[in-house]
All heavy atoms as atom14 arrays in JSON, in Angstrom:
{
  "sequence": "PDNFSCYWRDCGWDSPIDAGDLIRHVFFHAFHARIKLEGYKKQQEM",
  "atom14_mask": [
    [1, 1, 1, 1, 1, 1, 1, 0, 0, 0, 0, 0, 0, 0],
    [1, 1, 1, 1, 1, 1, 1, 1, 0, 0, 0, 0, 0, 0],
    [1, 1, 1, 1, 1, 1, 1, 1, 0, 0, 0, 0, 0, 0],
    [1, 1, 1, 1, 1, 1, 1, 1, 1, 1, 1, 0, 0, 0],
    [1, 1, 1, 1, 1, 1, 0, 0, 0, 0, 0, 0, 0, 0],
    [1, 1, 1, 1, 1, 1, 0, 0, 0, 0, 0, 0, 0, 0],
    [1, 1, 1, 1, 1, 1, 1, 1, 1, 1, 1, 1, 0, 0],
    [1, 1, 1, 1, 1, 1, 1, 1, 1, 1, 1, 1, 1, 1],
    [1, 1, 1, 1, 1, 1, 1, 1, 1, 1, 1, 0, 0, 0],
    [1, 1, 1, 1, 1, 1, 1, 1, 0, 0, 0, 0, 0, 0],
    [1, 1, 1, 1, 1, 1, 0, 0, 0, 0, 0, 0, 0, 0],
    [1, 1, 1, 1, 0, 0, 0, 0, 0, 0, 0, 0, 0, 0],
    [1, 1, 1, 1, 1, 1, 1, 1, 1, 1, 1, 1, 1, 1],
    [1, 1, 1, 1, 1, 1, 1, 1, 0, 0, 0, 0, 0, 0],
    [1, 1, 1, 1, 1, 1, 0, 0, 0, 0, 0, 0, 0, 0],
    [1, 1, 1, 1, 1, 1, 1, 0, 0, 0, 0, 0, 0, 0],
    [1, 1, 1, 1, 1, 1, 1, 1, 0, 0, 0, 0, 0, 0],
    [1, 1, 1, 1, 1, 1, 1, 1, 0, 0, 0, 0, 0, 0],
    [1, 1, 1, 1, 1, 0, 0, 0, 0, 0, 0, 0, 0, 0],
    [1, 1, 1, 1, 0, 0, 0, 0, 0, 0, 0, 0, 0, 0],
    [1, 1, 1, 1, 1, 1, 1, 1, 0, 0, 0, 0, 0, 0],
    [1, 1, 1, 1, 1, 1, 1, 1, 0, 0, 0, 0, 0, 0],
    [1, 1, 1, 1, 1, 1, 1, 1, 0, 0, 0, 0, 0, 0],
    [1, 1, 1, 1, 1, 1, 1, 1, 1, 1, 1, 0, 0, 0],
    [1, 1, 1, 1, 1, 1, 1, 1, 1, 1, 0, 0, 0, 0],
    [1, 1, 1, 1, 1, 1, 1, 0, 0, 0, 0, 0, 0, 0],
    [1, 1, 1, 1, 1, 1, 1, 1, 1, 1, 1, 0, 0, 0],
    [1, 1, 1, 1, 1, 1, 1, 1, 1, 1, 1, 0, 0, 0],
    [1, 1, 1, 1, 1, 1, 1, 1, 1, 1, 0, 0, 0, 0],
    [1, 1, 1, 1, 1, 0, 0, 0, 0, 0, 0, 0, 0, 0],
    [1, 1, 1, 1, 1, 1, 1, 1, 1, 1, 1, 0, 0, 0],
    [1, 1, 1, 1, 1, 1, 1, 1, 1, 1, 0, 0, 0, 0],
    [1, 1, 1, 1, 1, 0, 0, 0, 0, 0, 0, 0, 0, 0],
    [1, 1, 1, 1, 1, 1, 1, 1, 1, 1, 1, 0, 0, 0],
    [1, 1, 1, 1, 1, 1, 1, 1, 0, 0, 0, 0, 0, 0],
    [1, 1, 1, 1, 1, 1, 1, 1, 1, 0, 0, 0, 0, 0],
    [1, 1, 1, 1, 1, 1, 1, 1, 0, 0, 0, 0, 0, 0],
    [1, 1, 1, 1, 1, 1, 1, 1, 1, 0, 0, 0, 0, 0],
    [1, 1, 1, 1, 0, 0, 0, 0, 0, 0, 0, 0, 0, 0],
    [1, 1, 1, 1, 1, 1, 1, 1, 1, 1, 1, 1, 0, 0],
    [1, 1, 1, 1, 1, 1, 1, 1, 1, 0, 0, 0, 0, 0],
    [1, 1, 1, 1, 1, 1, 1, 1, 1, 0, 0, 0, 0, 0],
    [1, 1, 1, 1, 1, 1, 1, 1, 1, 0, 0, 0, 0, 0],
    [1, 1, 1, 1, 1, 1, 1, 1, 1, 0, 0, 0, 0, 0],
    [1, 1, 1, 1, 1, 1, 1, 1, 1, 0, 0, 0, 0, 0],
    [1, 1, 1, 1, 1, 1, 1, 1, 0, 0, 0, 0, 0, 0]
  ],
  "atom14_positions": [
    [[-14.76, -28.38, -92.2], [-14.78, -28.33, -93.68], [-15.08, -26.91, -94.18], [-15.8, -26.14, -93.55], [-15.93, -29.29, -94.04], [-16.1, -30.16, -92.84], [-15.73, -29.33, -91.66], [0.0, 0.0, 0.0], [0.0, 0.0, 0.0], [0.0, 0.0, 0.0], [0.0, 0.0, 0.0], [0.0, 0.0, 0.0], [0.0, 0.0, 0.0], [0.0, 0.0, 0.0]],
    [[-14.5, -26.57, -95.32], [-14.77, -25.26, -95.93], [-16.24, -25.14, -96.29], [-16.89, -26.11, -96.72], [-13.92, -25.08, -97.19], [-12.44, -24.97, -96.87], [-12.12, -24.59, -95.72], [-11.62, -25.29, -97.75], [0.0, 0.0, 0.0], [0.0, 0.0, 0.0], [0.0, 0.0, 0.0], [0.0, 0.0, 0.0], [0.0, 0.0, 0.0], [0.0, 0.0, 0.0]],
    [[-16.77, -23.93, -96.13], [-18.16, -23.62, -96.5], [-19.17, -24.55, -95.82], [-20.17, -24.94, -96.42], [-18.33, -23.69, -98.02], [-17.41, -22.73, -98.74], [-17.24, -21.59, -98.33], [-16.8, -23.2, -99.82], [0.0, 0.0, 0.0], [0.0, 0.0, 0.0], [0.0, 0.0, 0.0], [0.0, 0.0, 0.0], [0.0, 0.0, 0.0], [0.0, 0.0, 0.0]],
    [[-18.86, -24.91, -94.57], [-19.8, -25.79, -93.85], [-21.12, -25.09, -93.6], [-21.18, -23.91, -93.26], [-19.21, -26.22, -92.51], [-20.2, -26.95, -91.64], [-20.48, -28.28, -91.84], [-20.9, -26.26, -90.63], [-21.4, -28.95, -91.06], [-21.82, -26.93, -89.84], [-22.08, -28.28, -90.05], [0.0, 0.0, 0.0], [0.0, 0.0, 0.0], [0.0, 0.0, 0.0]],
    [[-22.22, -25.82, -93.78], [-23.55, -25.36, -93.43], [-24.3, -26.52, -92.83], [-24.26, -27.64, -93.36], [-24.3, -24.85, -94.68], [-25.6, -24.39, -94.34], [0.0, 0.0, 0.0], [0.0, 0.0, 0.0], [0.0, 0.0, 0.0], [0.0, 0.0, 0.0], [0.0, 0.0, 0.0], [0.0, 0.0, 0.0], [0.0, 0.0, 0.0], [0.0, 0.0, 0.0]],
    [[-24.94, -26.31, -91.7], [-25.62, -27.4, -90.97], [-26.64, -28.1, -91.87], [-27.43, -27.45, -92.55], [-26.31, -26.84, -89.73], [-27.14, -28.12, -88.75], [0.0, 0.0, 0.0], [0.0, 0.0, 0.0], [0.0, 0.0, 0.0], [0.0, 0.0, 0.0], [0.0, 0.0, 0.0], [0.0, 0.0, 0.0], [0.0, 0.0, 0.0], [0.0, 0.0, 0.0]],
    [[-26.58, -29.43, -91.87], [-27.46, -30.23, -92.72], [-28.86, -30.4, -92.14], [-29.74, -30.93, -92.8], [-26.84, -31.61, -92.95], [-25.58, -31.59, -93.78], [-24.33, -31.56, -93.16], [-25.62, -31.59, -95.17], [-23.17, -31.54, -93.92], [-24.47, -31.57, -95.93], [-23.23, -31.54, -95.3], [-22.09, -31.51, -96.04], [0.0, 0.0, 0.0], [0.0, 0.0, 0.0]],
    [[-29.04, -30.0, -90.88], [-30.36, -30.17, -90.26], [-31.37, -29.29, -90.98], [-31.11, -28.12, -91.24], [-30.29, -29.81, -88.79], [-31.46, -30.28, -87.98], [-32.52, -29.54, -87.56], [-31.69, -31.6, -87.47], [-33.4, -30.3, -86.83], [-32.91, -31.58, -86.76], [-30.97, -32.79, -87.54], [-33.43, -32.7, -86.13], [-31.5, -33.91, -86.91], [-32.71, -33.86, -86.22]],
    [[-32.5, -29.85, -91.33], [-33.48, -29.14, -92.15], [-33.95, -27.84, -91.49], [-34.22, -27.8, -90.31], [-34.68, -30.06, -92.43], [-34.31, -31.27, -93.28], [-35.41, -32.32, -93.28], [-34.85, -33.63, -93.59], [-35.48, -34.78, -93.35], [-36.68, -34.78, -92.81], [-34.9, -35.92, -93.63], [0.0, 0.0, 0.0], [0.0, 0.0, 0.0], [0.0, 0.0, 0.0]],
    [[-34.05, -26.81, -92.31], [-34.51, -25.48, -91.87], [-33.63, -24.89, -90.78], [-34.11, -24.15, -89.93], [-35.97, -25.56, -91.39], [-36.93, -25.99, -92.49], [-36.66, -25.64, -93.64], [-37.92, -26.68, -92.19], [0.0, 0.0, 0.0], [0.0, 0.0, 0.0], [0.0, 0.0, 0.0], [0.0, 0.0, 0.0], [0.0, 0.0, 0.0], [0.0, 0.0, 0.0]],
    [[-32.35, -25.24, -90.8], [-31.41, -24.64, -89.84], [-30.53, -23.62, -90.54], [-30.68, -22.43, -90.35], [-30.56, -25.73, -89.17], [-29.29, -25.05, -88.06], [0.0, 0.0, 0.0], [0.0, 0.0, 0.0], [0.0, 0.0, 0.0], [0.0, 0.0, 0.0], [0.0, 0.0, 0.0], [0.0, 0.0, 0.0], [0.0, 0.0, 0.0], [0.0, 0.0, 0.0]],
    [[-29.59, -24.08, -91.38], [-28.77, -23.16, -92.14], [-27.61, -22.54, -91.38], [-26.92, -21.67, -91.91], [0.0, 0.0, 0.0], [0.0, 0.0, 0.0], [0.0, 0.0, 0.0], [0.0, 0.0, 0.0], [0.0, 0.0, 0.0], [0.0, 0.0, 0.0], [0.0, 0.0, 0.0], [0.0, 0.0, 0.0], [0.0, 0.0, 0.0], [0.0, 0.0, 0.0]],
    [[-27.37, -22.98, -90.12], [-26.25, -22.44, -89.33], [-24.94, -22.73, -90.05], [-24.67, -23.85, -90.47], [-26.27, -23.09, -87.96], [-25.2, -22.64, -87.01], [-25.14, -21.44, -86.34], [-24.07, -23.4, -86.57], [-24.04, -21.42, -85.53], [-23.35, -22.6, -85.65], [-23.59, -24.67, -86.88], [-22.19, -23.03, -85.03], [-22.42, -25.11, -86.27], [-21.74, -24.29, -85.35]],
    [[-24.1, -21.72, -90.21], [-22.89, -21.91, -91.01], [-21.67, -21.17, -90.45], [-20.79, -20.78, -91.2], [-23.14, -21.43, -92.45], [-23.58, -19.97, -92.51], [-23.63, -19.32, -91.45], [-23.87, -19.5, -93.62], [0.0, 0.0, 0.0], [0.0, 0.0, 0.0], [0.0, 0.0, 0.0], [0.0, 0.0, 0.0], [0.0, 0.0, 0.0], [0.0, 0.0, 0.0]],
    [[-21.63, -20.97, -89.13], [-20.52, -20.2, -88.57], [-19.87, -20.85, -87.36], [-19.73, -20.23, -86.31], [-21.01, -18.79, -88.2], [-22.14, -18.87, -87.33], [0.0, 0.0, 0.0], [0.0, 0.0, 0.0], [0.0, 0.0, 0.0], [0.0, 0.0, 0.0], [0.0, 0.0, 0.0], [0.0, 0.0, 0.0], [0.0, 0.0, 0.0], [0.0, 0.0, 0.0]],
    [[-19.47, -22.14, -87.46], [-18.8, -22.77, -86.31], [-17.43, -22.16, -86.06], [-16.69, -21.85, -87.0], [-18.68, -24.24, -86.73], [-18.72, -24.21, -88.23], [-19.61, -23.08, -88.59], [0.0, 0.0, 0.0], [0.0, 0.0, 0.0], [0.0, 0.0, 0.0], [0.0, 0.0, 0.0], [0.0, 0.0, 0.0], [0.0, 0.0, 0.0], [0.0, 0.0, 0.0]],
    [[-17.09, -21.96, -84.78], [-15.79, -21.42, -84.4], [-14.71, -22.49, -84.55], [-13.62, -22.22, -85.04], [-15.83, -20.91, -82.95], [-16.89, -19.81, -82.81], [-14.46, -20.4, -82.52], [-17.15, -19.41, -81.36], [0.0, 0.0, 0.0], [0.0, 0.0, 0.0], [0.0, 0.0, 0.0], [0.0, 0.0, 0.0], [0.0, 0.0, 0.0], [0.0, 0.0, 0.0]],
    [[-15.03, -23.69, -84.12], [-14.1, -24.82, -84.2], [-14.9, -26.11, -84.17], [-16.14, -26.08, -84.19], [-13.1, -24.76, -83.03], [-13.77, -24.64, -81.67], [-14.94, -25.08, -81.53], [-13.15, -24.09, -80.74], [0.0, 0.0, 0.0], [0.0, 0.0, 0.0], [0.0, 0.0, 0.0], [0.0, 0.0, 0.0], [0.0, 0.0, 0.0], [0.0, 0.0, 0.0]],
    [[-14.21, -27.24, -84.13], [-14.9, -28.53, -84.14], [-15.82, -28.7, -82.94], [-16.92, -29.24, -83.04], [-13.88, -29.67, -84.2], [0.0, 0.0, 0.0], [0.0, 0.0, 0.0], [0.0, 0.0, 0.0], [0.0, 0.0, 0.0], [0.0, 0.0, 0.0], [0.0, 0.0, 0.0], [0.0, 0.0, 0.0], [0.0, 0.0, 0.0], [0.0, 0.0, 0.0]],
    [[-15.38, -28.22, -81.76], [-16.22, -28.33, -80.56], [-17.52, -27.57, -80.71], [-18.59, -28.03, -80.29], [0.0, 0.0, 0.0], [0.0, 0.0, 0.0], [0.0, 0.0, 0.0], [0.0, 0.0, 0.0], [0.0, 0.0, 0.0], [0.0, 0.0, 0.0], [0.0, 0.0, 0.0], [0.0, 0.0, 0.0], [0.0, 0.0, 0.0], [0.0, 0.0, 0.0]],
    [[-17.46, -26.38, -81.29], [-18.65, -25.57, -81.53], [-19.61, -26.31, -82.45], [-20.82, -26.34, -82.21], [-18.23, -24.24, -82.14], [-19.35, -23.21, -82.16], [-20.32, -23.37, -81.38], [-19.28, -22.24, -82.94], [0.0, 0.0, 0.0], [0.0, 0.0, 0.0], [0.0, 0.0, 0.0], [0.0, 0.0, 0.0], [0.0, 0.0, 0.0], [0.0, 0.0, 0.0]],
    [[-19.08, -26.94, -83.49], [-19.91, -27.71, -84.42], [-20.56, -28.9, -83.72], [-21.74, -29.17, -83.9], [-19.04, -28.17, -85.59], [-19.75, -28.76, -86.81], [-18.86, -28.6, -88.05], [-20.05, -30.24, -86.63], [0.0, 0.0, 0.0], [0.0, 0.0, 0.0], [0.0, 0.0, 0.0], [0.0, 0.0, 0.0], [0.0, 0.0, 0.0], [0.0, 0.0, 0.0]],
    [[-19.78, -29.61, -82.9], [-20.31, -30.78, -82.18], [-21.44, -30.37, -81.24], [-22.48, -31.03, -81.17], [-19.18, -31.48, -81.4], [-18.18, -32.1, -82.37], [-19.74, -32.54, -80.45], [-16.89, -32.57, -81.73], [0.0, 0.0, 0.0], [0.0, 0.0, 0.0], [0.0, 0.0, 0.0], [0.0, 0.0, 0.0], [0.0, 0.0, 0.0], [0.0, 0.0, 0.0]],
    [[-21.24, -29.26, -80.51], [-22.29, -28.8, -79.58], [-23.56, -28.46, -80.35], [-24.66, -28.77, -79.89], [-21.79, -27.59, -78.79], [-20.75, -27.91, -77.76], [-20.45, -26.72, -76.86], [-19.81, -25.62, -77.57], [-18.51, -25.53, -77.8], [-17.7, -26.51, -77.39], [-17.99, -24.49, -78.44], [0.0, 0.0, 0.0], [0.0, 0.0, 0.0], [0.0, 0.0, 0.0]],
    [[-23.4, -27.82, -81.49], [-24.57, -27.44, -82.29], [-25.34, -28.68, -82.75], [-26.57, -28.74, -82.62], [-24.12, -26.61, -83.5], [-25.25, -26.24, -84.42], [-26.02, -25.12, -84.22], [-25.73, -26.84, -85.54], [-26.94, -25.05, -85.18], [-26.79, -26.08, -85.98], [0.0, 0.0, 0.0], [0.0, 0.0, 0.0], [0.0, 0.0, 0.0], [0.0, 0.0, 0.0]],
    [[-24.62, -29.67, -83.27], [-25.29, -30.87, -83.79], [-25.99, -31.63, -82.66], [-27.14, -32.05, -82.8], [-24.27, -31.78, -84.51], [-24.9, -33.12, -84.87], [-23.75, -31.08, -85.77], [0.0, 0.0, 0.0], [0.0, 0.0, 0.0], [0.0, 0.0, 0.0], [0.0, 0.0, 0.0], [0.0, 0.0, 0.0], [0.0, 0.0, 0.0], [0.0, 0.0, 0.0]],
    [[-25.32, -31.79, -81.52], [-25.94, -32.5, -80.4], [-27.13, -31.73, -79.84], [-28.07, -32.33, -79.31], [-24.92, -32.76, -79.3], [-24.16, -34.05, -79.47], [-22.78, -34.08, -79.32], [-24.83, -35.22, -79.77], [-22.08, -35.28, -79.48], [-24.14, -36.42, -79.92], [-22.76, -36.43, -79.78], [0.0, 0.0, 0.0], [0.0, 0.0, 0.0], [0.0, 0.0, 0.0]],
    [[-27.09, -30.4, -79.94], [-28.22, -29.63, -79.45], [-29.45, -29.85, -80.32], [-30.58, -29.78, -79.85], [-27.9, -28.14, -79.36], [-28.67, -27.41, -78.29], [-28.15, -27.26, -77.02], [-29.94, -26.91, -78.54], [-28.87, -26.61, -76.03], [-30.67, -26.26, -77.56], [-30.13, -26.11, -76.3], [0.0, 0.0, 0.0], [0.0, 0.0, 0.0], [0.0, 0.0, 0.0]],
    [[-29.24, -30.16, -81.61], [-30.38, -30.51, -82.47], [-31.06, -31.77, -81.94], [-32.29, -31.87, -81.92], [-29.93, -30.74, -83.9], [-29.91, -29.5, -84.74], [-31.03, -28.69, -84.9], [-28.91, -28.91, -85.46], [-30.73, -27.68, -85.7], [-29.45, -27.78, -86.04], [0.0, 0.0, 0.0], [0.0, 0.0, 0.0], [0.0, 0.0, 0.0], [0.0, 0.0, 0.0]],
    [[-30.25, -32.76, -81.51], [-30.82, -33.99, -80.96], [-31.62, -33.69, -79.69], [-32.75, -34.16, -79.51], [-29.71, -35.0, -80.65], [0.0, 0.0, 0.0], [0.0, 0.0, 0.0], [0.0, 0.0, 0.0], [0.0, 0.0, 0.0], [0.0, 0.0, 0.0], [0.0, 0.0, 0.0], [0.0, 0.0, 0.0], [0.0, 0.0, 0.0], [0.0, 0.0, 0.0]],
    [[-31.03, -32.89, -78.81], [-31.71, -32.51, -77.57], [-32.98, -31.71, -77.87], [-34.06, -31.97, -77.29], [-30.77, -31.69, -76.7], [-31.42, -31.02, -75.52], [-31.82, -31.76, -74.43], [-31.65, -29.65, -75.52], [-32.43, -31.15, -73.34], [-32.26, -29.03, -74.45], [-32.65, -29.79, -73.36], [0.0, 0.0, 0.0], [0.0, 0.0, 0.0], [0.0, 0.0, 0.0]],
    [[-32.89, -30.76, -78.81], [-34.02, -29.92, -79.17], [-35.16, -30.76, -79.75], [-36.34, -30.53, -79.45], [-33.57, -28.86, -80.19], [-34.55, -27.78, -80.42], [-34.85, -27.3, -81.68], [-35.32, -27.05, -79.57], [-35.74, -26.33, -81.58], [-36.03, -26.16, -80.32], [0.0, 0.0, 0.0], [0.0, 0.0, 0.0], [0.0, 0.0, 0.0], [0.0, 0.0, 0.0]],
    [[-34.81, -31.76, -80.58], [-35.83, -32.65, -81.15], [-36.58, -33.39, -80.04], [-37.81, -33.56, -80.1], [-35.18, -33.64, -82.11], [0.0, 0.0, 0.0], [0.0, 0.0, 0.0], [0.0, 0.0, 0.0], [0.0, 0.0, 0.0], [0.0, 0.0, 0.0], [0.0, 0.0, 0.0], [0.0, 0.0, 0.0], [0.0, 0.0, 0.0], [0.0, 0.0, 0.0]],
    [[-35.84, -33.82, -79.01], [-36.49, -34.54, -77.91], [-37.43, -33.66, -77.11], [-38.57, -34.05, -76.83], [-35.42, -35.13, -76.97], [-36.03, -35.88, -75.78], [-34.99, -36.61, -74.97], [-34.06, -35.73, -74.29], [-34.32, -35.1, -73.15], [-35.5, -35.24, -72.56], [-33.4, -34.34, -72.59], [0.0, 0.0, 0.0], [0.0, 0.0, 0.0], [0.0, 0.0, 0.0]],
    [[-37.02, -32.45, -76.75], [-37.91, -31.62, -75.92], [-39.05, -31.04, -76.75], [-40.11, -30.71, -76.2], [-37.13, -30.51, -75.18], [-36.46, -29.53, -76.14], [-36.11, -31.12, -74.23], [-35.83, -28.33, -75.42], [0.0, 0.0, 0.0], [0.0, 0.0, 0.0], [0.0, 0.0, 0.0], [0.0, 0.0, 0.0], [0.0, 0.0, 0.0], [0.0, 0.0, 0.0]],
    [[-38.88, -30.94, -78.08], [-40.03, -30.57, -78.92], [-41.08, -31.67, -78.88], [-42.28, -31.39, -78.83], [-39.59, -30.3, -80.36], [-38.95, -28.94, -80.58], [-38.89, -28.56, -82.05], [-38.0, -29.49, -82.83], [-37.85, -29.04, -84.24], [0.0, 0.0, 0.0], [0.0, 0.0, 0.0], [0.0, 0.0, 0.0], [0.0, 0.0, 0.0], [0.0, 0.0, 0.0]],
    [[-40.62, -32.92, -78.92], [-41.56, -34.04, -78.83], [-42.22, -34.08, -77.46], [-43.42, -34.38, -77.35], [-40.83, -35.35, -79.12], [-41.72, -36.58, -79.29], [-42.74, -36.36, -80.4], [-40.86, -37.81, -79.6], [0.0, 0.0, 0.0], [0.0, 0.0, 0.0], [0.0, 0.0, 0.0], [0.0, 0.0, 0.0], [0.0, 0.0, 0.0], [0.0, 0.0, 0.0]],
    [[-41.47, -33.77, -76.4], [-42.06, -33.7, -75.06], [-43.14, -32.61, -75.02], [-44.21, -32.79, -74.42], [-40.98, -33.4, -74.01], [-39.94, -34.49, -73.83], [-40.47, -35.69, -73.06], [-41.67, -35.72, -72.75], [-39.65, -36.6, -72.78], [0.0, 0.0, 0.0], [0.0, 0.0, 0.0], [0.0, 0.0, 0.0], [0.0, 0.0, 0.0], [0.0, 0.0, 0.0]],
    [[-42.86, -31.48, -75.67], [-43.86, -30.41, -75.73], [-45.09, -30.83, -76.5], [-46.23, -30.54, -76.1], [0.0, 0.0, 0.0], [0.0, 0.0, 0.0], [0.0, 0.0, 0.0], [0.0, 0.0, 0.0], [0.0, 0.0, 0.0], [0.0, 0.0, 0.0], [0.0, 0.0, 0.0], [0.0, 0.0, 0.0], [0.0, 0.0, 0.0], [0.0, 0.0, 0.0]],
    [[-44.88, -31.52, -77.62], [-46.01, -31.99, -78.42], [-46.88, -32.97, -77.63], [-48.11, -32.91, -77.68], [-45.48, -32.65, -79.69], [-46.55, -33.22, -80.58], [-47.34, -32.4, -81.37], [-46.77, -34.6, -80.64], [-48.33, -32.93, -82.19], [-47.75, -35.14, -81.46], [-48.53, -34.3, -82.24], [-49.5, -34.83, -83.05], [0.0, 0.0, 0.0], [0.0, 0.0, 0.0]],
    [[-46.23, -33.88, -76.9], [-46.97, -34.84, -76.08], [-47.82, -34.12, -75.04], [-48.99, -34.44, -74.83], [-46.0, -35.8, -75.38], [-45.37, -36.84, -76.28], [-44.34, -37.67, -75.53], [-44.91, -38.34, -74.31], [-43.88, -39.11, -73.56], [0.0, 0.0, 0.0], [0.0, 0.0, 0.0], [0.0, 0.0, 0.0], [0.0, 0.0, 0.0], [0.0, 0.0, 0.0]],
    [[-47.21, -33.13, -74.37], [-47.93, -32.39, -73.34], [-49.1, -31.62, -73.95], [-50.2, -31.56, -73.38], [-46.98, -31.43, -72.63], [-47.59, -30.68, -71.45], [-48.08, -31.65, -70.38], [-46.96, -32.47, -69.78], [-47.46, -33.37, -68.7], [0.0, 0.0, 0.0], [0.0, 0.0, 0.0], [0.0, 0.0, 0.0], [0.0, 0.0, 0.0], [0.0, 0.0, 0.0]],
    [[-48.88, -31.05, -75.11], [-49.94, -30.31, -75.79], [-51.12, -31.22, -76.12], [-52.29, -30.86, -75.95], [-49.37, -29.7, -77.07], [-50.37, -28.94, -77.92], [-49.75, -28.5, -79.23], [-48.58, -28.16, -79.3], [-50.54, -28.52, -80.29], [0.0, 0.0, 0.0], [0.0, 0.0, 0.0], [0.0, 0.0, 0.0], [0.0, 0.0, 0.0], [0.0, 0.0, 0.0]],
    [[-50.82, -32.45, -76.61], [-51.88, -33.4, -76.94], [-52.59, -33.9, -75.7], [-53.83, -34.01, -75.68], [-51.27, -34.58, -77.72], [-50.67, -34.21, -79.06], [-51.71, -33.67, -80.03], [-52.72, -34.3, -80.29], [-51.45, -32.49, -80.57], [0.0, 0.0, 0.0], [0.0, 0.0, 0.0], [0.0, 0.0, 0.0], [0.0, 0.0, 0.0], [0.0, 0.0, 0.0]],
    [[-51.84, -34.18, -74.65], [-52.44, -34.68, -73.4], [-53.4, -33.66, -72.8], [-54.47, -34.02, -72.28], [-51.34, -35.01, -72.39], [-50.5, -36.22, -72.75], [-49.28, -36.35, -71.84], [-49.18, -35.56, -70.87], [-48.43, -37.22, -72.1], [0.0, 0.0, 0.0], [0.0, 0.0, 0.0], [0.0, 0.0, 0.0], [0.0, 0.0, 0.0], [0.0, 0.0, 0.0]],
    [[-53.03, -32.37, -72.86], [-53.85, -31.31, -72.27], [-54.86, -30.73, -73.24], [-55.59, -29.81, -72.92], [-52.94, -30.2, -71.73], [-51.97, -30.66, -70.65], [-50.94, -29.33, -70.01], [-52.16, -28.32, -69.15], [0.0, 0.0, 0.0], [0.0, 0.0, 0.0], [0.0, 0.0, 0.0], [0.0, 0.0, 0.0], [0.0, 0.0, 0.0], [0.0, 0.0, 0.0]]
  ]
}
């Protein structure tokens, strides 16, 4: 889409090369959210 900007909060990424680049970026947010939670759990446990 024209003038695309990532909807993920506090991201603002707006320069996808193609649809694949956009898909990788969005899925990486999901992965990043998971490992941030893993880090938070470890921080609380220790």
